[in-house]
Amino acid sequence: ALVSIHVNAADKGDKWMDARGFAVYTSNGQTKSDILAEYMVDAARVHHKGRKIRTDKSDGDSDWEASFEVLSKTKCAAVLVENFFMDNRDDLAYITSPEGKRAVVMTMVDAIAKYVEMYMTS
């Protein structure tokens, strides 16, 4: 599995924005990546309690779909994770705090471990 870890931004410059939250992207269509993405969203809901978790249920699952090369050109399950917004004051304070850093790491660890466990027991 490939997990591309990012922090989002809503603008290109020097002002604080209102956009906020955690999101997971996969390539277009239903693939093994969607399973990993669901585990990411589930773990985010546990570790980022009270924080916005951005989802797109238009195709029946929680991930956002995009044609990012890192997702569409990868043969293994691949997700791109946006860990909140660096140009939102509240999100930035959270992800740079010890609590936020730990929550970001634990979200990744728990989701990846669950994904690996699913394949080891099947």
PDB file of N, CA and C in Angstrom:
ATOM      1  N   ALA A   1       0.843  -1.182   0.000  1.00  0.00           N
ATOM      2  CA  ALA A   1       0.000   0.000   0.000  1.00  0.00           C
ATOM      3  C   ALA A   1       0.884   1.239   0.000  1.00  0.00           C
ATOM      4  N   LEU A   2       0.363   2.287  -0.599  1.00  0.00           N
ATOM      5  CA  LEU A   2       1.051   3.573  -0.621  1.00  0.00           C
ATOM      6  C   LEU A   2       0.161   4.598   0.073  1.00  0.00           C
ATOM      7  N   VAL A   3       0.746   5.331   1.021  1.00  0.00           N
ATOM      8  CA  VAL A   3       0.040   6.409   1.701  1.00  0.00           C
ATOM      9  C   VAL A   3       0.845   7.679   1.490  1.00  0.00           C
ATOM     10  N   SER A   4       0.301   8.599   0.720  1.00  0.00           N
ATOM     11  CA  SER A   4       0.936   9.884   0.456  1.00  0.00           C
ATOM     12  C   SER A   4       0.367  10.890   1.452  1.00  0.00           C
ATOM     13  N   ILE A   5       1.206  11.401   2.335  1.00  0.00           N
ATOM     14  CA  ILE A   5       0.757  12.212   3.472  1.00  0.00           C
ATOM     15  C   ILE A   5       0.996  13.690   3.191  1.00  0.00           C
ATOM     16  N   HIS A   6      -0.076  14.480   3.332  1.00  0.00           N
ATOM     17  CA  HIS A   6      -0.024  15.912   3.015  1.00  0.00           C
ATOM     18  C   HIS A   6      -0.755  16.737   4.061  1.00  0.00           C
ATOM     19  N   VAL A   7      -0.569  18.057   3.956  1.00  0.00           N
ATOM     20  CA  VAL A   7      -1.392  19.039   4.654  1.00  0.00           C
ATOM     21  C   VAL A   7      -1.969  19.930   3.571  1.00  0.00           C
ATOM     22  N   ASN A   8      -3.256  20.181   3.629  1.00  0.00           N
ATOM     23  CA  ASN A   8      -3.956  20.912   2.584  1.00  0.00           C
ATOM     24  C   ASN A   8      -3.754  22.422   2.711  1.00  0.00           C
ATOM     25  N   ALA A   9      -4.133  23.147   1.653  1.00  0.00           N
ATOM     26  CA  ALA A   9      -4.170  24.607   1.647  1.00  0.00           C
ATOM     27  C   ALA A   9      -5.283  25.038   0.708  1.00  0.00           C
ATOM     28  N   ALA A  10      -5.988  26.098   1.077  1.00  0.00           N
ATOM     29  CA  ALA A  10      -7.106  26.566   0.263  1.00  0.00           C
ATOM     30  C   ALA A  10      -6.727  27.751  -0.609  1.00  0.00           C
ATOM     31  N   ASP A  11      -5.550  28.311  -0.393  1.00  0.00           N
ATOM     32  CA  ASP A  11      -5.146  29.496  -1.134  1.00  0.00           C
ATOM     33  C   ASP A  11      -3.658  29.399  -1.438  1.00  0.00           C
ATOM     34  N   LYS A  12      -3.167  30.323  -2.211  1.00  0.00           N
ATOM     35  CA  LYS A  12      -1.755  30.325  -2.599  1.00  0.00           C
ATOM     36  C   LYS A  12      -0.919  31.287  -1.777  1.00  0.00           C
ATOM     37  N   GLY A  13      -1.528  31.972  -0.819  1.00  0.00           N
ATOM     38  CA  GLY A  13      -0.766  33.081  -0.302  1.00  0.00           C
ATOM     39  C   GLY A  13      -0.784  33.366   1.167  1.00  0.00           C
ATOM     40  N   ASP A  14      -1.034  34.615   1.434  1.00  0.00           N
ATOM     41  CA  ASP A  14      -0.707  35.205   2.718  1.00  0.00           C
ATOM     42  C   ASP A  14      -1.912  35.504   3.602  1.00  0.00           C
ATOM     43  N   LYS A  15      -3.031  34.840   3.384  1.00  0.00           N
ATOM     44  CA  LYS A  15      -4.188  35.118   4.229  1.00  0.00           C
ATOM     45  C   LYS A  15      -4.739  33.827   4.824  1.00  0.00           C
ATOM     46  N   TRP A  16      -5.388  33.963   5.962  1.00  0.00           N
ATOM     47  CA  TRP A  16      -6.021  32.822   6.615  1.00  0.00           C
ATOM     48  C   TRP A  16      -7.321  32.495   5.897  1.00  0.00           C
ATOM     49  N   MET A  17      -7.583  31.208   5.749  1.00  0.00           N
ATOM     50  CA  MET A  17      -8.755  30.742   5.015  1.00  0.00           C
ATOM     51  C   MET A  17      -9.724  30.037   5.976  1.00  0.00           C
ATOM     52  N   ASP A  18     -10.962  29.822   5.497  1.00  0.00           N
ATOM     53  CA  ASP A  18     -11.975  29.141   6.300  1.00  0.00           C
ATOM     54  C   ASP A  18     -12.019  27.632   6.067  1.00  0.00           C
ATOM     55  N   ALA A  19     -11.465  27.157   4.946  1.00  0.00           N
ATOM     56  CA  ALA A  19     -11.484  25.716   4.652  1.00  0.00           C
ATOM     57  C   ALA A  19     -10.758  24.972   5.757  1.00  0.00           C
ATOM     58  N   ARG A  20     -11.292  23.812   6.113  1.00  0.00           N
ATOM     59  CA  ARG A  20     -10.683  23.043   7.199  1.00  0.00           C
ATOM     60  C   ARG A  20     -11.017  21.569   7.051  1.00  0.00           C
ATOM     61  N   GLY A  21     -10.288  20.739   7.762  1.00  0.00           N
ATOM     62  CA  GLY A  21     -10.649  19.343   7.860  1.00  0.00           C
ATOM     63  C   GLY A  21      -9.671  18.349   7.250  1.00  0.00           C
ATOM     64  N   PHE A  22      -9.936  17.101   7.549  1.00  0.00           N
ATOM     65  CA  PHE A  22      -9.182  15.924   7.117  1.00  0.00           C
ATOM     66  C   PHE A  22      -9.907  15.311   5.924  1.00  0.00           C
ATOM     67  N   ALA A  23      -9.166  14.835   4.930  1.00  0.00           N
ATOM     68  CA  ALA A  23      -9.779  14.174   3.770  1.00  0.00           C
ATOM     69  C   ALA A  23      -8.834  13.118   3.210  1.00  0.00           C
ATOM     70  N   VAL A  24      -9.415  12.137   2.515  1.00  0.00           N
ATOM     71  CA  VAL A  24      -8.640  11.080   1.866  1.00  0.00           C
ATOM     72  C   VAL A  24      -9.055  11.001   0.403  1.00  0.00           C
ATOM     73  N   TYR A  25      -8.059  10.913  -0.475  1.00  0.00           N
ATOM     74  CA  TYR A  25      -8.296  10.795  -1.916  1.00  0.00           C
ATOM     75  C   TYR A  25      -7.851   9.428  -2.410  1.00  0.00           C
ATOM     76  N   THR A  26      -8.591   8.910  -3.400  1.00  0.00           N
ATOM     77  CA  THR A  26      -8.189   7.714  -4.141  1.00  0.00           C
ATOM     78  C   THR A  26      -8.329   8.026  -5.626  1.00  0.00           C
ATOM     79  N   SER A  27      -7.875   7.100  -6.455  1.00  0.00           N
ATOM     80  CA  SER A  27      -8.072   7.249  -7.901  1.00  0.00           C
ATOM     81  C   SER A  27      -9.542   6.999  -8.232  1.00  0.00           C
ATOM     82  N   ASN A  28      -9.922   7.293  -9.446  1.00  0.00           N
ATOM     83  CA  ASN A  28     -11.307   7.115  -9.885  1.00  0.00           C
ATOM     84  C   ASN A  28     -11.687   5.638  -9.940  1.00  0.00           C
ATOM     85  N   GLY A  29     -12.930   5.350  -9.605  1.00  0.00           N
ATOM     86  CA  GLY A  29     -13.433   3.980  -9.659  1.00  0.00           C
ATOM     87  C   GLY A  29     -13.256   3.250  -8.345  1.00  0.00           C
ATOM     88  N   GLN A  30     -13.804   2.060  -8.283  1.00  0.00           N
ATOM     89  CA  GLN A  30     -13.715   1.235  -7.081  1.00  0.00           C
ATOM     90  C   GLN A  30     -12.507   0.321  -7.173  1.00  0.00           C
ATOM     91  N   THR A  31     -11.599   0.447  -6.207  1.00  0.00           N
ATOM     92  CA  THR A  31     -10.377  -0.360  -6.167  1.00  0.00           C
ATOM     93  C   THR A  31     -10.069  -0.743  -4.718  1.00  0.00           C
ATOM     94  N   LYS A  32      -8.978  -1.458  -4.511  1.00  0.00           N
ATOM     95  CA  LYS A  32      -8.527  -1.773  -3.156  1.00  0.00           C
ATOM     96  C   LYS A  32      -8.208  -0.508  -2.368  1.00  0.00           C
ATOM     97  N   SER A  33      -7.913   0.568  -3.076  1.00  0.00           N
ATOM     98  CA  SER A  33      -7.618   1.839  -2.418  1.00  0.00           C
ATOM     99  C   SER A  33      -8.806   2.334  -1.613  1.00  0.00           C
ATOM    100  N   ASP A  34     -10.021   2.045  -2.076  1.00  0.00           N
ATOM    101  CA  ASP A  34     -11.210   2.490  -1.360  1.00  0.00           C
ATOM    102  C   ASP A  34     -11.314   1.844   0.019  1.00  0.00           C
ATOM    103  N   ILE A  35     -10.863   0.616   0.138  1.00  0.00           N
ATOM    104  CA  ILE A  35     -10.874  -0.066   1.442  1.00  0.00           C
ATOM    105  C   ILE A  35      -9.930   0.647   2.394  1.00  0.00           C
ATOM    106  N   LEU A  36      -8.709   0.921   1.935  1.00  0.00           N
ATOM    107  CA  LEU A  36      -7.737   1.626   2.759  1.00  0.00           C
ATOM    108  C   LEU A  36      -8.252   3.021   3.121  1.00  0.00           C
ATOM    109  N   ALA A  37      -8.889   3.693   2.182  1.00  0.00           N
ATOM    110  CA  ALA A  37      -9.435   5.031   2.441  1.00  0.00           C
ATOM    111  C   ALA A  37     -10.504   4.984   3.535  1.00  0.00           C
ATOM    112  N   GLU A  38     -11.362   3.975   3.503  1.00  0.00           N
ATOM    113  CA  GLU A  38     -12.395   3.856   4.541  1.00  0.00           C
ATOM    114  C   GLU A  38     -11.756   3.645   5.909  1.00  0.00           C
ATOM    115  N   TYR A  39     -10.697   2.834   5.963  1.00  0.00           N
ATOM    116  CA  TYR A  39      -9.989   2.644   7.228  1.00  0.00           C
ATOM    117  C   TYR A  39      -9.387   3.961   7.707  1.00  0.00           C
ATOM    118  N   MET A  40      -8.882   4.781   6.785  1.00  0.00           N
ATOM    119  CA  MET A  40      -8.326   6.088   7.143  1.00  0.00           C
ATOM    120  C   MET A  40      -9.409   6.988   7.736  1.00  0.00           C
ATOM    121  N   VAL A  41     -10.562   7.037   7.084  1.00  0.00           N
ATOM    122  CA  VAL A  41     -11.660   7.881   7.578  1.00  0.00           C
ATOM    123  C   VAL A  41     -12.139   7.381   8.939  1.00  0.00           C
ATOM    124  N   ASP A  42     -12.279   6.075   9.086  1.00  0.00           N
ATOM    125  CA  ASP A  42     -12.708   5.513  10.369  1.00  0.00           C
ATOM    126  C   ASP A  42     -11.714   5.876  11.477  1.00  0.00           C
ATOM    127  N   ALA A  43     -10.428   5.727  11.203  1.00  0.00           N
ATOM    128  CA  ALA A  43      -9.399   6.052  12.195  1.00  0.00           C
ATOM    129  C   ALA A  43      -9.377   7.553  12.480  1.00  0.00           C
ATOM    130  N   ALA A  44      -9.585   8.363  11.463  1.00  0.00           N
ATOM    131  CA  ALA A  44      -9.616   9.819  11.666  1.00  0.00           C
ATOM    132  C   ALA A  44     -10.765  10.201  12.597  1.00  0.00           C
ATOM    133  N   ARG A  45     -11.895   9.562  12.436  1.00  0.00           N
ATOM    134  CA  ARG A  45     -13.034   9.865  13.313  1.00  0.00           C
ATOM    135  C   ARG A  45     -12.730   9.520  14.772  1.00  0.00           C
ATOM    136  N   VAL A  46     -11.929   8.496  14.978  1.00  0.00           N
ATOM    137  CA  VAL A  46     -11.539   8.101  16.339  1.00  0.00           C
ATOM    138  C   VAL A  46     -10.504   9.076  16.902  1.00  0.00           C
ATOM    139  N   HIS A  47      -9.475   9.369  16.136  1.00  0.00           N
ATOM    140  CA  HIS A  47      -8.338  10.136  16.656  1.00  0.00           C
ATOM    141  C   HIS A  47      -8.499  11.648  16.552  1.00  0.00           C
ATOM    142  N   HIS A  48      -9.374  12.113  15.693  1.00  0.00           N
ATOM    143  CA  HIS A  48      -9.583  13.557  15.528  1.00  0.00           C
ATOM    144  C   HIS A  48     -10.992  13.947  15.988  1.00  0.00           C
ATOM    145  N   LYS A  49     -11.382  13.456  17.145  1.00  0.00           N
ATOM    146  CA  LYS A  49     -12.725  13.741  17.684  1.00  0.00           C
ATOM    147  C   LYS A  49     -12.958  15.254  17.740  1.00  0.00           C
ATOM    148  N   GLY A  50     -14.146  15.665  17.282  1.00  0.00           N
ATOM    149  CA  GLY A  50     -14.502  17.072  17.310  1.00  0.00           C
ATOM    150  C   GLY A  50     -13.928  17.879  16.156  1.00  0.00           C
ATOM    151  N   ARG A  51     -13.170  17.239  15.280  1.00  0.00           N
ATOM    152  CA  ARG A  51     -12.571  17.905  14.121  1.00  0.00           C
ATOM    153  C   ARG A  51     -13.348  17.526  12.872  1.00  0.00           C
ATOM    154  N   LYS A  52     -13.312  18.392  11.887  1.00  0.00           N
ATOM    155  CA  LYS A  52     -14.033  18.136  10.639  1.00  0.00           C
ATOM    156  C   LYS A  52     -13.343  17.035   9.828  1.00  0.00           C
ATOM    157  N   ILE A  53     -14.114  16.030   9.464  1.00  0.00           N
ATOM    158  CA  ILE A  53     -13.653  14.965   8.569  1.00  0.00           C
ATOM    159  C   ILE A  53     -14.449  15.158   7.276  1.00  0.00           C
ATOM    160  N   ARG A  54     -13.756  15.551   6.221  1.00  0.00           N
ATOM    161  CA  ARG A  54     -14.405  15.857   4.944  1.00  0.00           C
ATOM    162  C   ARG A  54     -14.565  14.566   4.142  1.00  0.00           C
ATOM    163  N   THR A  55     -15.795  14.258   3.741  1.00  0.00           N
ATOM    164  CA  THR A  55     -16.047  13.049   2.958  1.00  0.00           C
ATOM    165  C   THR A  55     -16.873  13.395   1.722  1.00  0.00           C
ATOM    166  N   ASP A  56     -16.835  12.475   0.759  1.00  0.00           N
ATOM    167  CA  ASP A  56     -17.624  12.590  -0.464  1.00  0.00           C
ATOM    168  C   ASP A  56     -18.329  11.259  -0.670  1.00  0.00           C
ATOM    169  N   LYS A  57     -19.592  11.201  -0.331  1.00  0.00           N
ATOM    170  CA  LYS A  57     -20.362   9.951  -0.407  1.00  0.00           C
ATOM    171  C   LYS A  57     -21.064   9.767  -1.753  1.00  0.00           C
ATOM    172  N   SER A  58     -20.712  10.557  -2.759  1.00  0.00           N
ATOM    173  CA  SER A  58     -21.427  10.509  -4.039  1.00  0.00           C
ATOM    174  C   SER A  58     -21.328   9.157  -4.734  1.00  0.00           C
ATOM    175  N   ASP A  59     -20.274   8.385  -4.456  1.00  0.00           N
ATOM    176  CA  ASP A  59     -20.152   7.064  -5.076  1.00  0.00           C
ATOM    177  C   ASP A  59     -20.278   5.938  -4.051  1.00  0.00           C
ATOM    178  N   GLY A  60     -20.805   6.264  -2.869  1.00  0.00           N
ATOM    179  CA  GLY A  60     -21.083   5.235  -1.879  1.00  0.00           C
ATOM    180  C   GLY A  60     -20.003   5.020  -0.838  1.00  0.00           C
ATOM    181  N   ASP A  61     -18.850   5.669  -0.985  1.00  0.00           N
ATOM    182  CA  ASP A  61     -17.817   5.559   0.043  1.00  0.00           C
ATOM    183  C   ASP A  61     -17.359   6.958   0.438  1.00  0.00           C
ATOM    184  N   SER A  62     -16.444   7.041   1.389  1.00  0.00           N
ATOM    185  CA  SER A  62     -16.096   8.319   2.010  1.00  0.00           C
ATOM    186  C   SER A  62     -14.997   9.114   1.322  1.00  0.00           C
ATOM    187  N   ASP A  63     -14.237   8.471   0.459  1.00  0.00           N
ATOM    188  CA  ASP A  63     -13.081   9.145  -0.143  1.00  0.00           C
ATOM    189  C   ASP A  63     -13.481  10.100  -1.259  1.00  0.00           C
ATOM    190  N   TRP A  64     -12.588  11.027  -1.523  1.00  0.00           N
ATOM    191  CA  TRP A  64     -12.686  11.909  -2.681  1.00  0.00           C
ATOM    192  C   TRP A  64     -11.890  11.241  -3.789  1.00  0.00           C
ATOM    193  N   GLU A  65     -12.342  11.334  -5.011  1.00  0.00           N
ATOM    194  CA  GLU A  65     -11.624  10.724  -6.136  1.00  0.00           C
ATOM    195  C   GLU A  65     -10.952  11.803  -6.968  1.00  0.00           C
ATOM    196  N   ALA A  66      -9.725  11.511  -7.382  1.00  0.00           N
ATOM    197  CA  ALA A  66      -8.954  12.467  -8.178  1.00  0.00           C
ATOM    198  C   ALA A  66      -7.998  11.708  -9.082  1.00  0.00           C
ATOM    199  N   SER A  67      -7.547  12.368 -10.118  1.00  0.00           N
ATOM    200  CA  SER A  67      -6.618  11.751 -11.076  1.00  0.00           C
ATOM    201  C   SER A  67      -5.168  12.102 -10.764  1.00  0.00           C
ATOM    202  N   PHE A  68      -4.836  12.220  -9.495  1.00  0.00           N
ATOM    203  CA  PHE A  68      -3.453  12.493  -9.122  1.00  0.00           C
ATOM    204  C   PHE A  68      -2.572  11.339  -9.592  1.00  0.00           C
ATOM    205  N   GLU A  69      -1.447  11.660 -10.199  1.00  0.00           N
ATOM    206  CA  GLU A  69      -0.536  10.626 -10.733  1.00  0.00           C
ATOM    207  C   GLU A  69      -0.133   9.617  -9.660  1.00  0.00           C
ATOM    208  N   VAL A  70       0.143  10.091  -8.465  1.00  0.00           N
ATOM    209  CA  VAL A  70       0.586   9.199  -7.398  1.00  0.00           C
ATOM    210  C   VAL A  70      -0.478   8.148  -7.078  1.00  0.00           C
ATOM    211  N   LEU A  71      -1.721   8.437  -7.388  1.00  0.00           N
ATOM    212  CA  LEU A  71      -2.808   7.486  -7.155  1.00  0.00           C
ATOM    213  C   LEU A  71      -3.138   6.671  -8.392  1.00  0.00           C
ATOM    214  N   SER A  72      -3.233   7.323  -9.531  1.00  0.00           N
ATOM    215  CA  SER A  72      -3.688   6.636 -10.743  1.00  0.00           C
ATOM    216  C   SER A  72      -2.603   5.806 -11.419  1.00  0.00           C
ATOM    217  N   LYS A  73      -1.338   6.074 -11.152  1.00  0.00           N
ATOM    218  CA  LYS A  73      -0.240   5.334 -11.785  1.00  0.00           C
ATOM    219  C   LYS A  73       0.375   4.293 -10.856  1.00  0.00           C
ATOM    220  N   THR A  74      -0.264   4.048  -9.729  1.00  0.00           N
ATOM    221  CA  THR A  74       0.241   3.097  -8.746  1.00  0.00           C
ATOM    222  C   THR A  74      -0.566   1.810  -8.837  1.00  0.00           C
ATOM    223  N   LYS A  75       0.103   0.673  -8.858  1.00  0.00           N
ATOM    224  CA  LYS A  75      -0.602  -0.607  -8.978  1.00  0.00           C
ATOM    225  C   LYS A  75      -1.130  -1.121  -7.645  1.00  0.00           C
ATOM    226  N   CYS A  76      -0.514  -0.723  -6.548  1.00  0.00           N
ATOM    227  CA  CYS A  76      -0.987  -1.161  -5.239  1.00  0.00           C
ATOM    228  C   CYS A  76      -2.078  -0.211  -4.746  1.00  0.00           C
ATOM    229  N   ALA A  77      -2.709  -0.565  -3.650  1.00  0.00           N
ATOM    230  CA  ALA A  77      -3.672   0.344  -3.034  1.00  0.00           C
ATOM    231  C   ALA A  77      -2.942   1.634  -2.693  1.00  0.00           C
ATOM    232  N   ALA A  78      -3.537   2.773  -3.059  1.00  0.00           N
ATOM    233  CA  ALA A  78      -2.889   4.061  -2.838  1.00  0.00           C
ATOM    234  C   ALA A  78      -3.902   5.107  -2.405  1.00  0.00           C
ATOM    235  N   VAL A  79      -3.552   5.839  -1.352  1.00  0.00           N
ATOM    236  CA  VAL A  79      -4.390   6.941  -0.885  1.00  0.00           C
ATOM    237  C   VAL A  79      -3.516   8.170  -0.686  1.00  0.00           C
ATOM    238  N   LEU A  80      -4.123   9.319  -0.871  1.00  0.00           N
ATOM    239  CA  LEU A  80      -3.474  10.590  -0.569  1.00  0.00           C
ATOM    240  C   LEU A  80      -4.280  11.197   0.570  1.00  0.00           C
ATOM    241  N   VAL A  81      -3.619  11.441   1.692  1.00  0.00           N
ATOM    242  CA  VAL A  81      -4.283  11.911   2.897  1.00  0.00           C
ATOM    243  C   VAL A  81      -3.956  13.384   3.102  1.00  0.00           C
ATOM    244  N   GLU A  82      -5.004  14.196   3.245  1.00  0.00           N
ATOM    245  CA  GLU A  82      -4.859  15.625   3.553  1.00  0.00           C
ATOM    246  C   GLU A  82      -5.174  15.819   5.029  1.00  0.00           C
ATOM    247  N   ASN A  83      -4.138  16.079   5.809  1.00  0.00           N
ATOM    248  CA  ASN A  83      -4.274  16.248   7.251  1.00  0.00           C
ATOM    249  C   ASN A  83      -4.534  17.702   7.606  1.00  0.00           C
ATOM    250  N   PHE A  84      -5.763  18.128   7.375  1.00  0.00           N
ATOM    251  CA  PHE A  84      -6.224  19.460   7.734  1.00  0.00           C
ATOM    252  C   PHE A  84      -5.578  20.535   6.845  1.00  0.00           C
ATOM    253  N   PHE A  85      -5.777  21.807   7.199  1.00  0.00           N
ATOM    254  CA  PHE A  85      -5.349  22.924   6.348  1.00  0.00           C
ATOM    255  C   PHE A  85      -4.300  23.780   7.048  1.00  0.00           C
ATOM    256  N   MET A  86      -3.184  24.003   6.370  1.00  0.00           N
ATOM    257  CA  MET A  86      -2.125  24.828   6.938  1.00  0.00           C
ATOM    258  C   MET A  86      -2.450  26.316   6.891  1.00  0.00           C
ATOM    259  N   ASP A  87      -3.469  26.705   6.109  1.00  0.00           N
ATOM    260  CA  ASP A  87      -3.837  28.120   6.046  1.00  0.00           C
ATOM    261  C   ASP A  87      -5.162  28.411   6.771  1.00  0.00           C
ATOM    262  N   ASN A  88      -5.518  27.532   7.704  1.00  0.00           N
ATOM    263  CA  ASN A  88      -6.625  27.755   8.621  1.00  0.00           C
ATOM    264  C   ASN A  88      -6.007  27.827  10.024  1.00  0.00           C
ATOM    265  N   ARG A  89      -6.216  28.906  10.721  1.00  0.00           N
ATOM    266  CA  ARG A  89      -5.563  29.108  12.036  1.00  0.00           C
ATOM    267  C   ARG A  89      -5.796  27.946  12.994  1.00  0.00           C
ATOM    268  N   ASP A  90      -7.049  27.520  13.110  1.00  0.00           N
ATOM    269  CA  ASP A  90      -7.386  26.456  14.051  1.00  0.00           C
ATOM    270  C   ASP A  90      -6.760  25.119  13.641  1.00  0.00           C
ATOM    271  N   ASP A  91      -6.876  24.769  12.351  1.00  0.00           N
ATOM    272  CA  ASP A  91      -6.267  23.521  11.873  1.00  0.00           C
ATOM    273  C   ASP A  91      -4.759  23.536  12.080  1.00  0.00           C
ATOM    274  N   LEU A  92      -4.118  24.657  11.761  1.00  0.00           N
ATOM    275  CA  LEU A  92      -2.664  24.749  11.907  1.00  0.00           C
ATOM    276  C   LEU A  92      -2.245  24.613  13.363  1.00  0.00           C
ATOM    277  N   ALA A  93      -2.957  25.282  14.256  1.00  0.00           N
ATOM    278  CA  ALA A  93      -2.644  25.148  15.681  1.00  0.00           C
ATOM    279  C   ALA A  93      -2.786  23.697  16.125  1.00  0.00           C
ATOM    280  N   TYR A  94      -3.801  23.031  15.613  1.00  0.00           N
ATOM    281  CA  TYR A  94      -4.034  21.628  15.978  1.00  0.00           C
ATOM    282  C   TYR A  94      -2.926  20.713  15.466  1.00  0.00           C
ATOM    283  N   ILE A  95      -2.609  20.781  14.181  1.00  0.00           N
ATOM    284  CA  ILE A  95      -1.634  19.831  13.620  1.00  0.00           C
ATOM    285  C   ILE A  95      -0.204  20.112  14.059  1.00  0.00           C
ATOM    286  N   THR A  96       0.054  21.283  14.620  1.00  0.00           N
ATOM    287  CA  THR A  96       1.402  21.556  15.144  1.00  0.00           C
ATOM    288  C   THR A  96       1.483  21.335  16.645  1.00  0.00           C
ATOM    289  N   SER A  97       0.354  21.013  17.279  1.00  0.00           N
ATOM    290  CA  SER A  97       0.351  20.719  18.715  1.00  0.00           C
ATOM    291  C   SER A  97       0.766  19.272  18.952  1.00  0.00           C
ATOM    292  N   PRO A  98       1.285  18.952  20.125  1.00  0.00           N
ATOM    293  CA  PRO A  98       1.609  17.546  20.425  1.00  0.00           C
ATOM    294  C   PRO A  98       0.402  16.626  20.256  1.00  0.00           C
ATOM    295  N   GLU A  99      -0.775  17.082  20.689  1.00  0.00           N
ATOM    296  CA  GLU A  99      -2.003  16.283  20.547  1.00  0.00           C
ATOM    297  C   GLU A  99      -2.322  16.017  19.072  1.00  0.00           C
ATOM    298  N   GLY A 100      -2.246  17.059  18.249  1.00  0.00           N
ATOM    299  CA  GLY A 100      -2.553  16.917  16.824  1.00  0.00           C
ATOM    300  C   GLY A 100      -1.551  16.037  16.099  1.00  0.00           C
ATOM    301  N   LYS A 101      -0.274  16.215  16.409  1.00  0.00           N
ATOM    302  CA  LYS A 101       0.757  15.381  15.772  1.00  0.00           C
ATOM    303  C   LYS A 101       0.525  13.913  16.101  1.00  0.00           C
ATOM    304  N   ARG A 102       0.244  13.651  17.363  1.00  0.00           N
ATOM    305  CA  ARG A 102      -0.007  12.261  17.777  1.00  0.00           C
ATOM    306  C   ARG A 102      -1.245  11.700  17.072  1.00  0.00           C
ATOM    307  N   ALA A 103      -2.287  12.505  16.965  1.00  0.00           N
ATOM    308  CA  ALA A 103      -3.522  12.054  16.317  1.00  0.00           C
ATOM    309  C   ALA A 103      -3.296  11.755  14.832  1.00  0.00           C
ATOM    310  N   VAL A 104      -2.498  12.576  14.159  1.00  0.00           N
ATOM    311  CA  VAL A 104      -2.178  12.327  12.742  1.00  0.00           C
ATOM    312  C   VAL A 104      -1.433  11.001  12.610  1.00  0.00           C
ATOM    313  N   VAL A 105      -0.425  10.810  13.433  1.00  0.00           N
ATOM    314  CA  VAL A 105       0.360   9.567  13.364  1.00  0.00           C
ATOM    315  C   VAL A 105      -0.514   8.356  13.682  1.00  0.00           C
ATOM    316  N   MET A 106      -1.310   8.437  14.736  1.00  0.00           N
ATOM    317  CA  MET A 106      -2.129   7.294  15.127  1.00  0.00           C
ATOM    318  C   MET A 106      -3.202   6.983  14.093  1.00  0.00           C
ATOM    319  N   THR A 107      -3.700   7.987  13.406  1.00  0.00           N
ATOM    320  CA  THR A 107      -4.659   7.747  12.326  1.00  0.00           C
ATOM    321  C   THR A 107      -4.008   6.890  11.243  1.00  0.00           C
ATOM    322  N   MET A 108      -2.804   7.275  10.832  1.00  0.00           N
ATOM    323  CA  MET A 108      -2.098   6.526   9.789  1.00  0.00           C
ATOM    324  C   MET A 108      -1.784   5.104  10.263  1.00  0.00           C
ATOM    325  N   VAL A 109      -1.233   4.983  11.462  1.00  0.00           N
ATOM    326  CA  VAL A 109      -0.825   3.679  11.994  1.00  0.00           C
ATOM    327  C   VAL A 109      -2.026   2.744  12.107  1.00  0.00           C
ATOM    328  N   ASP A 110      -3.106   3.226  12.708  1.00  0.00           N
ATOM    329  CA  ASP A 110      -4.272   2.356  12.902  1.00  0.00           C
ATOM    330  C   ASP A 110      -4.889   1.911  11.579  1.00  0.00           C
ATOM    331  N   ALA A 111      -5.005   2.831  10.631  1.00  0.00           N
ATOM    332  CA  ALA A 111      -5.610   2.482   9.338  1.00  0.00           C
ATOM    333  C   ALA A 111      -4.745   1.492   8.564  1.00  0.00           C
ATOM    334  N   ILE A 112      -3.448   1.733   8.529  1.00  0.00           N
ATOM    335  CA  ILE A 112      -2.541   0.825   7.813  1.00  0.00           C
ATOM    336  C   ILE A 112      -2.530  -0.543   8.478  1.00  0.00           C
ATOM    337  N   ALA A 113      -2.487  -0.573   9.800  1.00  0.00           N
ATOM    338  CA  ALA A 113      -2.481  -1.855  10.521  1.00  0.00           C
ATOM    339  C   ALA A 113      -3.764  -2.643  10.233  1.00  0.00           C
ATOM    340  N   LYS A 114      -4.888  -1.966  10.201  1.00  0.00           N
ATOM    341  CA  LYS A 114      -6.153  -2.653   9.911  1.00  0.00           C
ATOM    342  C   LYS A 114      -6.166  -3.188   8.485  1.00  0.00           C
ATOM    343  N   TYR A 115      -5.638  -2.410   7.557  1.00  0.00           N
ATOM    344  CA  TYR A 115      -5.573  -2.847   6.155  1.00  0.00           C
ATOM    345  C   TYR A 115      -4.681  -4.085   6.017  1.00  0.00           C
ATOM    346  N   VAL A 116      -3.518  -4.058   6.645  1.00  0.00           N
ATOM    347  CA  VAL A 116      -2.583  -5.193   6.587  1.00  0.00           C
ATOM    348  C   VAL A 116      -3.217  -6.412   7.263  1.00  0.00           C
ATOM    349  N   GLU A 117      -3.834  -6.192   8.397  1.00  0.00           N
ATOM    350  CA  GLU A 117      -4.473  -7.301   9.118  1.00  0.00           C
ATOM    351  C   GLU A 117      -5.564  -7.961   8.270  1.00  0.00           C
ATOM    352  N   MET A 118      -6.311  -7.154   7.525  1.00  0.00           N
ATOM    353  CA  MET A 118      -7.365  -7.708   6.670  1.00  0.00           C
ATOM    354  C   MET A 118      -6.774  -8.699   5.676  1.00  0.00           C
ATOM    355  N   TYR A 119      -5.610  -8.370   5.106  1.00  0.00           N
ATOM    356  CA  TYR A 119      -5.000  -9.252   4.120  1.00  0.00           C
ATOM    357  C   TYR A 119      -4.295 -10.433   4.750  1.00  0.00           C
ATOM    358  N   MET A 120      -3.837 -10.304   5.975  1.00  0.00           N
ATOM    359  CA  MET A 120      -3.169 -11.412   6.643  1.00  0.00           C
ATOM    360  C   MET A 120      -4.155 -12.465   7.117  1.00  0.00           C
ATOM    361  N   THR A 121      -5.396 -12.064   7.376  1.00  0.00           N
ATOM    362  CA  THR A 121      -6.382 -13.019   7.881  1.00  0.00           C
ATOM    363  C   THR A 121      -7.291 -13.563   6.793  1.00  0.00           C
ATOM    364  N   SER A 122      -7.152 -13.043   5.562  1.00  0.00           N
ATOM    365  CA  SER A 122      -8.026 -13.536   4.497  1.00  0.00           C
ATOM    366  C   SER A 122      -7.349 -14.571   3.637  1.00  0.00           C
TER     367      SER A 122
END
